[in-house]
Amino acid sequence: AAGAWGVQVGAFGSANLARSAANEARSRIGLGSARPAVESVAQGRNTLYRARVLGLSRESAQSACEKLRSQGACIIVSPDAQG
């Protein structure tokens, strides 16, 4: 489905850090359909917050990661890997 893909630009110990990373990545991607998202994941006794930008097509997720990799890590997130 179009818009079901996304990218992950990092995992952080704080929701605020993850949110600002997701917002920054979204503005660098520059697509109107892109929306920043933060997903929390329990890691033992800690919580990690994944910074993601969702609402992309597969192609735009790939080109977004090419753009973002110069600044750091970028992982393409398929529709199956969300939720």
C-alpha atoms as a PDB file:
ATOM      1  CA  ALA A   1       0.000   0.000   0.000  1.00  0.00           C
ATOM      2  CA  ALA A   2       1.230   3.485  -0.808  1.00  0.00           C
ATOM      3  CA  GLY A   3       2.146   5.369   2.306  1.00  0.00           C
ATOM      4  CA  ALA A   4       2.565   2.225   4.408  1.00  0.00           C
ATOM      5  CA  TRP A   5       6.373   2.391   4.480  1.00  0.00           C
ATOM      6  CA  GLY A   6       8.649   4.418   6.700  1.00  0.00           C
ATOM      7  CA  VAL A   7      12.196   4.966   7.862  1.00  0.00           C
ATOM      8  CA  GLN A   8      13.800   4.718  11.278  1.00  0.00           C
ATOM      9  CA  VAL A   9      16.538   7.219  12.044  1.00  0.00           C
ATOM     10  CA  GLY A  10      17.537   6.116  15.522  1.00  0.00           C
ATOM     11  CA  ALA A  11      16.598   4.747  18.916  1.00  0.00           C
ATOM     12  CA  PHE A  12      16.942   6.944  21.977  1.00  0.00           C
ATOM     13  CA  GLY A  13      16.683   6.717  25.748  1.00  0.00           C
ATOM     14  CA  SER A  14      14.258   9.630  25.829  1.00  0.00           C
ATOM     15  CA  ALA A  15      10.992  10.236  23.998  1.00  0.00           C
ATOM     16  CA  ASN A  16      11.884  13.920  23.538  1.00  0.00           C
ATOM     17  CA  LEU A  17      15.166  13.091  21.783  1.00  0.00           C
ATOM     18  CA  ALA A  18      13.384  10.593  19.552  1.00  0.00           C
ATOM     19  CA  ARG A  19      10.646  13.114  18.745  1.00  0.00           C
ATOM     20  CA  SER A  20      13.099  15.826  17.734  1.00  0.00           C
ATOM     21  CA  ALA A  21      15.100  13.343  15.608  1.00  0.00           C
ATOM     22  CA  ALA A  22      11.896  12.227  13.872  1.00  0.00           C
ATOM     23  CA  ASN A  23      10.807  15.829  13.281  1.00  0.00           C
ATOM     24  CA  GLU A  24      14.219  16.765  11.897  1.00  0.00           C
ATOM     25  CA  ALA A  25      14.264  13.740   9.588  1.00  0.00           C
ATOM     26  CA  ARG A  26      10.740  14.532   8.394  1.00  0.00           C
ATOM     27  CA  SER A  27      11.695  18.074   7.452  1.00  0.00           C
ATOM     28  CA  ARG A  28      14.828  16.828   5.656  1.00  0.00           C
ATOM     29  CA  ILE A  29      12.746  14.327   3.681  1.00  0.00           C
ATOM     30  CA  GLY A  30      10.416  17.162   2.736  1.00  0.00           C
ATOM     31  CA  LEU A  31       7.382  15.106   1.712  1.00  0.00           C
ATOM     32  CA  GLY A  32       3.924  16.283   2.688  1.00  0.00           C
ATOM     33  CA  SER A  33       2.704  12.742   3.371  1.00  0.00           C
ATOM     34  CA  ALA A  34       5.572  12.008   5.761  1.00  0.00           C
ATOM     35  CA  ARG A  35       4.707  12.085   9.438  1.00  0.00           C
ATOM     36  CA  PRO A  36       7.068  11.799  12.400  1.00  0.00           C
ATOM     37  CA  ALA A  37       6.379   8.983  14.846  1.00  0.00           C
ATOM     38  CA  VAL A  38       7.903   7.718  18.072  1.00  0.00           C
ATOM     39  CA  GLU A  39       7.524   4.077  19.058  1.00  0.00           C
ATOM     40  CA  SER A  40       8.500   2.862  22.520  1.00  0.00           C
ATOM     41  CA  VAL A  41      10.121  -0.538  22.972  1.00  0.00           C
ATOM     42  CA  ALA A  42      10.946  -2.231  26.265  1.00  0.00           C
ATOM     43  CA  GLN A  43      14.617  -3.302  26.482  1.00  0.00           C
ATOM     44  CA  GLY A  44      14.928  -5.146  29.765  1.00  0.00           C
ATOM     45  CA  ARG A  45      14.249  -2.564  32.470  1.00  0.00           C
ATOM     46  CA  ASN A  46      14.777   0.351  30.095  1.00  0.00           C
ATOM     47  CA  THR A  47      12.591   1.804  27.389  1.00  0.00           C
ATOM     48  CA  LEU A  48      13.971   2.734  23.993  1.00  0.00           C
ATOM     49  CA  TYR A  49      12.190   5.219  21.766  1.00  0.00           C
ATOM     50  CA  ARG A  50      12.455   4.640  18.035  1.00  0.00           C
ATOM     51  CA  ALA A  51      12.447   7.762  15.901  1.00  0.00           C
ATOM     52  CA  ARG A  52      10.570   7.060  12.692  1.00  0.00           C
ATOM     53  CA  VAL A  53       9.050   8.877   9.751  1.00  0.00           C
ATOM     54  CA  LEU A  54       5.990   7.060   8.402  1.00  0.00           C
ATOM     55  CA  GLY A  55       3.537   7.571   5.567  1.00  0.00           C
ATOM     56  CA  LEU A  56       6.016   6.907   2.758  1.00  0.00           C
ATOM     57  CA  SER A  57       5.893   4.736  -0.320  1.00  0.00           C
ATOM     58  CA  ARG A  58       8.584   2.079  -0.702  1.00  0.00           C
ATOM     59  CA  GLU A  59      10.379   4.261  -3.270  1.00  0.00           C
ATOM     60  CA  SER A  60      10.265   7.400  -1.152  1.00  0.00           C
ATOM     61  CA  ALA A  61      11.474   5.433   1.896  1.00  0.00           C
ATOM     62  CA  GLN A  62      14.472   4.269  -0.138  1.00  0.00           C
ATOM     63  CA  SER A  63      15.310   7.741  -1.412  1.00  0.00           C
ATOM     64  CA  ALA A  64      14.729   9.221   2.061  1.00  0.00           C
ATOM     65  CA  CYS A  65      17.293   6.821   3.522  1.00  0.00           C
ATOM     66  CA  GLU A  66      19.778   7.727   0.793  1.00  0.00           C
ATOM     67  CA  LYS A  67      19.340  11.385   1.782  1.00  0.00           C
ATOM     68  CA  LEU A  68      19.474  10.755   5.531  1.00  0.00           C
ATOM     69  CA  ARG A  69      22.370   8.284   5.634  1.00  0.00           C
ATOM     70  CA  SER A  70      24.875  11.094   5.165  1.00  0.00           C
ATOM     71  CA  GLN A  71      23.812  12.358   8.624  1.00  0.00           C
ATOM     72  CA  GLY A  72      23.623   8.981  10.333  1.00  0.00           C
ATOM     73  CA  ALA A  73      21.845   5.655  10.392  1.00  0.00           C
ATOM     74  CA  CYS A  74      18.666   5.047   8.459  1.00  0.00           C
ATOM     75  CA  ILE A  75      16.659   1.839   8.284  1.00  0.00           C
ATOM     76  CA  ILE A  76      13.740   1.263   5.920  1.00  0.00           C
ATOM     77  CA  VAL A  77      10.662   0.089   7.837  1.00  0.00           C
ATOM     78  CA  SER A  78       8.263  -2.123   5.891  1.00  0.00           C
ATOM     79  CA  PRO A  79       4.522  -2.184   6.651  1.00  0.00           C
ATOM     80  CA  ASP A  80       5.010  -5.575   8.375  1.00  0.00           C
ATOM     81  CA  ALA A  81       7.602  -4.148  10.789  1.00  0.00           C
ATOM     82  CA  GLN A  82       5.245  -1.533  12.240  1.00  0.00           C
ATOM     83  CA  GLY A  83       2.922  -1.769  15.187  1.00  0.00           C
END
